[in-house]
Amino acid sequence: MHDTQATILILAAVALSDGLTEATTARVAEGLSVTPRELTDAYIHEMRQRVLEELLIHPDLVRLDGRLDAIARAN
């Protein structure tokens, strides 16, 4: 993985836990030679991945997914 991409992913993880202000995002993006949008996109992607992972392991949703799969196979 390219160093800049790895750094953006790390910063995205930090942003998820601590948050970054718009000004901080702009400064970090400038330091990484990326646009604030690229940094924000990395953040959004990481946030979605974390939420999806949490949803997929939730016991109630695992059972619901199994039931929906059974219904779909029955039809």
PDB file of N, CA and C in Angstrom:
ATOM      1  N   MET A   1       0.858  -1.185   0.000  1.00  0.00           N
ATOM      2  CA  MET A   1       0.000   0.000   0.000  1.00  0.00           C
ATOM      3  C   MET A   1       0.893   1.232   0.000  1.00  0.00           C
ATOM      4  N   HIS A   2       0.506   2.212  -0.747  1.00  0.00           N
ATOM      5  CA  HIS A   2       1.247   3.470  -0.823  1.00  0.00           C
ATOM      6  C   HIS A   2       1.271   4.137   0.548  1.00  0.00           C
ATOM      7  N   ASP A   3       2.416   4.742   0.904  1.00  0.00           N
ATOM      8  CA  ASP A   3       2.563   5.357   2.230  1.00  0.00           C
ATOM      9  C   ASP A   3       1.489   6.393   2.514  1.00  0.00           C
ATOM     10  N   THR A   4       1.163   7.202   1.515  1.00  0.00           N
ATOM     11  CA  THR A   4       0.141   8.235   1.730  1.00  0.00           C
ATOM     12  C   THR A   4      -1.206   7.597   2.032  1.00  0.00           C
ATOM     13  N   GLN A   5      -1.554   6.548   1.312  1.00  0.00           N
ATOM     14  CA  GLN A   5      -2.827   5.872   1.559  1.00  0.00           C
ATOM     15  C   GLN A   5      -2.857   5.282   2.967  1.00  0.00           C
ATOM     16  N   ALA A   6      -1.745   4.689   3.386  1.00  0.00           N
ATOM     17  CA  ALA A   6      -1.687   4.122   4.730  1.00  0.00           C
ATOM     18  C   ALA A   6      -1.843   5.211   5.771  1.00  0.00           C
ATOM     19  N   THR A   7      -1.203   6.335   5.535  1.00  0.00           N
ATOM     20  CA  THR A   7      -1.306   7.452   6.476  1.00  0.00           C
ATOM     21  C   THR A   7      -2.723   7.986   6.536  1.00  0.00           C
ATOM     22  N   ILE A   8      -3.380   8.079   5.393  1.00  0.00           N
ATOM     23  CA  ILE A   8      -4.765   8.554   5.368  1.00  0.00           C
ATOM     24  C   ILE A   8      -5.657   7.597   6.150  1.00  0.00           C
ATOM     25  N   LEU A   9      -5.447   6.290   5.988  1.00  0.00           N
ATOM     26  CA  LEU A   9      -6.255   5.320   6.727  1.00  0.00           C
ATOM     27  C   LEU A   9      -6.034   5.451   8.223  1.00  0.00           C
ATOM     28  N   ILE A  10      -4.799   5.674   8.629  1.00  0.00           N
ATOM     29  CA  ILE A  10      -4.506   5.866  10.051  1.00  0.00           C
ATOM     30  C   ILE A  10      -5.208   7.113  10.558  1.00  0.00           C
ATOM     31  N   LEU A  11      -5.093   8.197   9.827  1.00  0.00           N
ATOM     32  CA  LEU A  11      -5.740   9.441  10.244  1.00  0.00           C
ATOM     33  C   LEU A  11      -7.257   9.304  10.236  1.00  0.00           C
ATOM     34  N   ALA A  12      -7.777   8.519   9.297  1.00  0.00           N
ATOM     35  CA  ALA A  12      -9.222   8.292   9.273  1.00  0.00           C
ATOM     36  C   ALA A  12      -9.657   7.571  10.540  1.00  0.00           C
ATOM     37  N   ALA A  13      -8.862   6.612  10.979  1.00  0.00           N
ATOM     38  CA  ALA A  13      -9.184   5.904  12.215  1.00  0.00           C
ATOM     39  C   ALA A  13      -9.147   6.855  13.411  1.00  0.00           C
ATOM     40  N   VAL A  14      -8.175   7.768  13.421  1.00  0.00           N
ATOM     41  CA  VAL A  14      -8.098   8.774  14.490  1.00  0.00           C
ATOM     42  C   VAL A  14      -9.318   9.676  14.437  1.00  0.00           C
ATOM     43  N   ALA A  15      -9.692  10.078  13.256  1.00  0.00           N
ATOM     44  CA  ALA A  15     -10.845  10.962  13.100  1.00  0.00           C
ATOM     45  C   ALA A  15     -12.116  10.305  13.618  1.00  0.00           C
ATOM     46  N   LEU A  16     -12.216   8.996  13.436  1.00  0.00           N
ATOM     47  CA  LEU A  16     -13.391   8.284  13.914  1.00  0.00           C
ATOM     48  C   LEU A  16     -13.500   8.340  15.425  1.00  0.00           C
ATOM     49  N   SER A  17     -12.361   8.286  16.092  1.00  0.00           N
ATOM     50  CA  SER A  17     -12.402   8.255  17.551  1.00  0.00           C
ATOM     51  C   SER A  17     -12.365   9.645  18.164  1.00  0.00           C
ATOM     52  N   ASP A  18     -11.574  10.546  17.604  1.00  0.00           N
ATOM     53  CA  ASP A  18     -11.384  11.862  18.206  1.00  0.00           C
ATOM     54  C   ASP A  18     -12.018  12.997  17.401  1.00  0.00           C
ATOM     55  N   GLY A  19     -12.228  12.767  16.143  1.00  0.00           N
ATOM     56  CA  GLY A  19     -12.776  13.788  15.276  1.00  0.00           C
ATOM     57  C   GLY A  19     -11.723  14.787  14.831  1.00  0.00           C
ATOM     58  N   LEU A  20     -11.895  15.316  13.655  1.00  0.00           N
ATOM     59  CA  LEU A  20     -11.018  16.345  13.115  1.00  0.00           C
ATOM     60  C   LEU A  20     -11.873  17.543  12.723  1.00  0.00           C
ATOM     61  N   THR A  21     -11.414  18.706  13.085  1.00  0.00           N
ATOM     62  CA  THR A  21     -12.123  19.905  12.659  1.00  0.00           C
ATOM     63  C   THR A  21     -11.845  20.141  11.183  1.00  0.00           C
ATOM     64  N   GLU A  22     -12.600  21.019  10.588  1.00  0.00           N
ATOM     65  CA  GLU A  22     -12.389  21.337   9.174  1.00  0.00           C
ATOM     66  C   GLU A  22     -10.993  21.904   8.957  1.00  0.00           C
ATOM     67  N   ALA A  23     -10.556  22.764   9.868  1.00  0.00           N
ATOM     68  CA  ALA A  23      -9.220  23.360   9.757  1.00  0.00           C
ATOM     69  C   ALA A  23      -8.128  22.296   9.895  1.00  0.00           C
ATOM     70  N   THR A  24      -8.310  21.381  10.837  1.00  0.00           N
ATOM     71  CA  THR A  24      -7.328  20.313  11.025  1.00  0.00           C
ATOM     72  C   THR A  24      -7.304  19.398   9.812  1.00  0.00           C
ATOM     73  N   THR A  25      -8.462  19.094   9.293  1.00  0.00           N
ATOM     74  CA  THR A  25      -8.542  18.268   8.092  1.00  0.00           C
ATOM     75  C   THR A  25      -7.770  18.917   6.954  1.00  0.00           C
ATOM     76  N   ALA A  26      -7.945  20.214   6.770  1.00  0.00           N
ATOM     77  CA  ALA A  26      -7.252  20.943   5.702  1.00  0.00           C
ATOM     78  C   ALA A  26      -5.736  20.901   5.914  1.00  0.00           C
ATOM     79  N   ARG A  27      -5.292  21.101   7.158  1.00  0.00           N
ATOM     80  CA  ARG A  27      -3.848  21.089   7.437  1.00  0.00           C
ATOM     81  C   ARG A  27      -3.257  19.695   7.230  1.00  0.00           C
ATOM     82  N   VAL A  28      -3.962  18.677   7.700  1.00  0.00           N
ATOM     83  CA  VAL A  28      -3.476  17.301   7.536  1.00  0.00           C
ATOM     84  C   VAL A  28      -3.434  16.949   6.057  1.00  0.00           C
ATOM     85  N   ALA A  29      -4.479  17.291   5.329  1.00  0.00           N
ATOM     86  CA  ALA A  29      -4.518  17.010   3.892  1.00  0.00           C
ATOM     87  C   ALA A  29      -3.357  17.692   3.185  1.00  0.00           C
ATOM     88  N   GLU A  30      -3.106  18.926   3.530  1.00  0.00           N
ATOM     89  CA  GLU A  30      -1.990  19.657   2.915  1.00  0.00           C
ATOM     90  C   GLU A  30      -0.664  18.966   3.226  1.00  0.00           C
ATOM     91  N   GLY A  31      -0.491  18.538   4.469  1.00  0.00           N
ATOM     92  CA  GLY A  31       0.734  17.853   4.853  1.00  0.00           C
ATOM     93  C   GLY A  31       0.928  16.530   4.136  1.00  0.00           C
ATOM     94  N   LEU A  32      -0.158  15.899   3.761  1.00  0.00           N
ATOM     95  CA  LEU A  32      -0.101  14.616   3.055  1.00  0.00           C
ATOM     96  C   LEU A  32      -0.122  14.778   1.538  1.00  0.00           C
ATOM     97  N   SER A  33      -0.218  16.011   1.086  1.00  0.00           N
ATOM     98  CA  SER A  33      -0.311  16.308  -0.349  1.00  0.00           C
ATOM     99  C   SER A  33      -1.532  15.655  -0.981  1.00  0.00           C
ATOM    100  N   VAL A  34      -2.629  15.679  -0.252  1.00  0.00           N
ATOM    101  CA  VAL A  34      -3.911  15.228  -0.776  1.00  0.00           C
ATOM    102  C   VAL A  34      -4.914  16.349  -0.548  1.00  0.00           C
ATOM    103  N   THR A  35      -6.067  16.208  -1.148  1.00  0.00           N
ATOM    104  CA  THR A  35      -7.093  17.228  -0.946  1.00  0.00           C
ATOM    105  C   THR A  35      -7.877  16.905   0.326  1.00  0.00           C
ATOM    106  N   PRO A  36      -8.488  17.918   0.923  1.00  0.00           N
ATOM    107  CA  PRO A  36      -9.360  17.638   2.069  1.00  0.00           C
ATOM    108  C   PRO A  36     -10.447  16.626   1.704  1.00  0.00           C
ATOM    109  N   ARG A  37     -10.912  16.660   0.464  1.00  0.00           N
ATOM    110  CA  ARG A  37     -11.949  15.715   0.022  1.00  0.00           C
ATOM    111  C   ARG A  37     -11.433  14.279   0.060  1.00  0.00           C
ATOM    112  N   GLU A  38     -10.181  14.074  -0.388  1.00  0.00           N
ATOM    113  CA  GLU A  38      -9.602  12.733  -0.357  1.00  0.00           C
ATOM    114  C   GLU A  38      -9.488  12.227   1.080  1.00  0.00           C
ATOM    115  N   LEU A  39      -9.084  13.109   1.974  1.00  0.00           N
ATOM    116  CA  LEU A  39      -8.979  12.741   3.375  1.00  0.00           C
ATOM    117  C   LEU A  39     -10.355  12.413   3.947  1.00  0.00           C
ATOM    118  N   THR A  40     -11.338  13.236   3.605  1.00  0.00           N
ATOM    119  CA  THR A  40     -12.708  13.011   4.075  1.00  0.00           C
ATOM    120  C   THR A  40     -13.269  11.716   3.511  1.00  0.00           C
ATOM    121  N   ASP A  41     -12.999  11.446   2.231  1.00  0.00           N
ATOM    122  CA  ASP A  41     -13.474  10.196   1.617  1.00  0.00           C
ATOM    123  C   ASP A  41     -12.885   8.983   2.321  1.00  0.00           C
ATOM    124  N   ALA A  42     -11.605   9.054   2.687  1.00  0.00           N
ATOM    125  CA  ALA A  42     -10.976   7.948   3.423  1.00  0.00           C
ATOM    126  C   ALA A  42     -11.648   7.775   4.770  1.00  0.00           C
ATOM    127  N   TYR A  43     -11.971   8.878   5.419  1.00  0.00           N
ATOM    128  CA  TYR A  43     -12.658   8.850   6.719  1.00  0.00           C
ATOM    129  C   TYR A  43     -14.027   8.189   6.586  1.00  0.00           C
ATOM    130  N   ILE A  44     -14.774   8.614   5.586  1.00  0.00           N
ATOM    131  CA  ILE A  44     -16.126   8.079   5.394  1.00  0.00           C
ATOM    132  C   ILE A  44     -16.074   6.586   5.101  1.00  0.00           C
ATOM    133  N   HIS A  45     -15.128   6.184   4.270  1.00  0.00           N
ATOM    134  CA  HIS A  45     -14.990   4.757   3.954  1.00  0.00           C
ATOM    135  C   HIS A  45     -14.691   3.964   5.227  1.00  0.00           C
ATOM    136  N   GLU A  46     -13.752   4.441   6.028  1.00  0.00           N
ATOM    137  CA  GLU A  46     -13.390   3.743   7.260  1.00  0.00           C
ATOM    138  C   GLU A  46     -14.575   3.684   8.217  1.00  0.00           C
ATOM    139  N   MET A  47     -15.317   4.777   8.322  1.00  0.00           N
ATOM    140  CA  MET A  47     -16.468   4.814   9.220  1.00  0.00           C
ATOM    141  C   MET A  47     -17.506   3.789   8.783  1.00  0.00           C
ATOM    142  N   ARG A  48     -17.773   3.728   7.484  1.00  0.00           N
ATOM    143  CA  ARG A  48     -18.753   2.756   6.979  1.00  0.00           C
ATOM    144  C   ARG A  48     -18.299   1.330   7.239  1.00  0.00           C
ATOM    145  N   GLN A  49     -17.012   1.055   7.056  1.00  0.00           N
ATOM    146  CA  GLN A  49     -16.488  -0.277   7.313  1.00  0.00           C
ATOM    147  C   GLN A  49     -16.686  -0.666   8.768  1.00  0.00           C
ATOM    148  N   ARG A  50     -16.392   0.248   9.685  1.00  0.00           N
ATOM    149  CA  ARG A  50     -16.537  -0.055  11.102  1.00  0.00           C
ATOM    150  C   ARG A  50     -17.986  -0.316  11.467  1.00  0.00           C
ATOM    151  N   VAL A  51     -18.886   0.511  10.972  1.00  0.00           N
ATOM    152  CA  VAL A  51     -20.306   0.340  11.273  1.00  0.00           C
ATOM    153  C   VAL A  51     -20.795  -0.983  10.702  1.00  0.00           C
ATOM    154  N   LEU A  52     -20.409  -1.293   9.479  1.00  0.00           N
ATOM    155  CA  LEU A  52     -20.827  -2.537   8.846  1.00  0.00           C
ATOM    156  C   LEU A  52     -20.309  -3.736   9.636  1.00  0.00           C
ATOM    157  N   GLU A  53     -19.044  -3.691  10.058  1.00  0.00           N
ATOM    158  CA  GLU A  53     -18.485  -4.790  10.839  1.00  0.00           C
ATOM    159  C   GLU A  53     -19.249  -4.976  12.150  1.00  0.00           C
ATOM    160  N   GLU A  54     -19.590  -3.874  12.806  1.00  0.00           N
ATOM    161  CA  GLU A  54     -20.340  -3.961  14.059  1.00  0.00           C
ATOM    162  C   GLU A  54     -21.727  -4.540  13.827  1.00  0.00           C
ATOM    163  N   LEU A  55     -22.364  -4.152  12.735  1.00  0.00           N
ATOM    164  CA  LEU A  55     -23.698  -4.674  12.433  1.00  0.00           C
ATOM    165  C   LEU A  55     -23.655  -6.168  12.126  1.00  0.00           C
ATOM    166  N   LEU A  56     -22.647  -6.577  11.375  1.00  0.00           N
ATOM    167  CA  LEU A  56     -22.585  -7.969  10.953  1.00  0.00           C
ATOM    168  C   LEU A  56     -22.353  -8.941  12.099  1.00  0.00           C
ATOM    169  N   ILE A  57     -21.808  -8.467  13.210  1.00  0.00           N
ATOM    170  CA  ILE A  57     -21.565  -9.374  14.333  1.00  0.00           C
ATOM    171  C   ILE A  57     -22.625  -9.259  15.426  1.00  0.00           C
ATOM    172  N   HIS A  58     -23.589  -8.371  15.259  1.00  0.00           N
ATOM    173  CA  HIS A  58     -24.634  -8.221  16.269  1.00  0.00           C
ATOM    174  C   HIS A  58     -25.503  -9.480  16.264  1.00  0.00           C
ATOM    175  N   PRO A  59     -25.666 -10.132  17.414  1.00  0.00           N
ATOM    176  CA  PRO A  59     -26.392 -11.418  17.472  1.00  0.00           C
ATOM    177  C   PRO A  59     -27.802 -11.370  16.893  1.00  0.00           C
ATOM    178  N   ASP A  60     -28.554 -10.338  17.171  1.00  0.00           N
ATOM    179  CA  ASP A  60     -29.921 -10.249  16.650  1.00  0.00           C
ATOM    180  C   ASP A  60     -29.925 -10.155  15.129  1.00  0.00           C
ATOM    181  N   LEU A  61     -28.984  -9.397  14.592  1.00  0.00           N
ATOM    182  CA  LEU A  61     -28.930  -9.247  13.142  1.00  0.00           C
ATOM    183  C   LEU A  61     -28.413 -10.508  12.467  1.00  0.00           C
ATOM    184  N   VAL A  62     -27.539 -11.235  13.133  1.00  0.00           N
ATOM    185  CA  VAL A  62     -27.066 -12.511  12.590  1.00  0.00           C
ATOM    186  C   VAL A  62     -28.248 -13.480  12.473  1.00  0.00           C
ATOM    187  N   ARG A  63     -29.090 -13.549  13.521  1.00  0.00           N
ATOM    188  CA  ARG A  63     -30.272 -14.429  13.477  1.00  0.00           C
ATOM    189  C   ARG A  63     -31.256 -13.978  12.402  1.00  0.00           C
ATOM    190  N   LEU A  64     -31.484 -12.678  12.312  1.00  0.00           N
ATOM    191  CA  LEU A  64     -32.390 -12.147  11.298  1.00  0.00           C
ATOM    192  C   LEU A  64     -31.878 -12.468   9.899  1.00  0.00           C
ATOM    193  N   ASP A  65     -30.585 -12.301   9.683  1.00  0.00           N
ATOM    194  CA  ASP A  65     -29.995 -12.606   8.386  1.00  0.00           C
ATOM    195  C   ASP A  65     -30.202 -14.070   8.036  1.00  0.00           C
ATOM    196  N   GLY A  66     -30.038 -14.943   9.014  1.00  0.00           N
ATOM    197  CA  GLY A  66     -30.265 -16.372   8.788  1.00  0.00           C
ATOM    198  C   GLY A  66     -31.701 -16.657   8.418  1.00  0.00           C
ATOM    199  N   ARG A  67     -32.630 -16.022   9.100  1.00  0.00           N
ATOM    200  CA  ARG A  67     -34.053 -16.219   8.794  1.00  0.00           C
ATOM    201  C   ARG A  67     -34.402 -15.711   7.398  1.00  0.00           C
ATOM    202  N   LEU A  68     -33.863 -14.548   7.055  1.00  0.00           N
ATOM    203  CA  LEU A  68     -34.136 -13.990   5.727  1.00  0.00           C
ATOM    204  C   LEU A  68     -33.530 -14.869   4.635  1.00  0.00           C
ATOM    205  N   ASP A  69     -32.347 -15.418   4.881  1.00  0.00           N
ATOM    206  CA  ASP A  69     -31.754 -16.343   3.924  1.00  0.00           C
ATOM    207  C   ASP A  69     -32.642 -17.571   3.735  1.00  0.00           C
ATOM    208  N   ALA A  70     -33.170 -18.108   4.830  1.00  0.00           N
ATOM    209  CA  ALA A  70     -34.055 -19.283   4.756  1.00  0.00           C
ATOM    210  C   ALA A  70     -35.305 -18.974   3.958  1.00  0.00           C
ATOM    211  N   ILE A  71     -35.872 -17.815   4.185  1.00  0.00           N
ATOM    212  CA  ILE A  71     -37.073 -17.402   3.446  1.00  0.00           C
ATOM    213  C   ILE A  71     -36.761 -17.272   1.967  1.00  0.00           C
ATOM    214  N   ALA A  72     -35.621 -16.657   1.655  1.00  0.00           N
ATOM    215  CA  ALA A  72     -35.247 -16.470   0.247  1.00  0.00           C
ATOM    216  C   ALA A  72     -35.015 -17.811  -0.443  1.00  0.00           C
ATOM    217  N   ARG A  73     -34.398 -18.748   0.252  1.00  0.00           N
ATOM    218  CA  ARG A  73     -34.154 -20.078  -0.341  1.00  0.00           C
ATOM    219  C   ARG A  73     -35.452 -20.863  -0.517  1.00  0.00           C
ATOM    220  N   ALA A  74     -36.422 -20.620   0.356  1.00  0.00           N
ATOM    221  CA  ALA A  74     -37.702 -21.337   0.285  1.00  0.00           C
ATOM    222  C   ALA A  74     -38.535 -20.870  -0.894  1.00  0.00           C
ATOM    223  N   ASN A  75     -38.317 -19.650  -1.327  1.00  0.00           N
ATOM    224  CA  ASN A  75     -39.088 -19.117  -2.449  1.00  0.00           C
ATOM    225  C   ASN A  75     -38.412 -19.469  -3.695  1.00  0.00           C
TER     226      ASN A  75
END
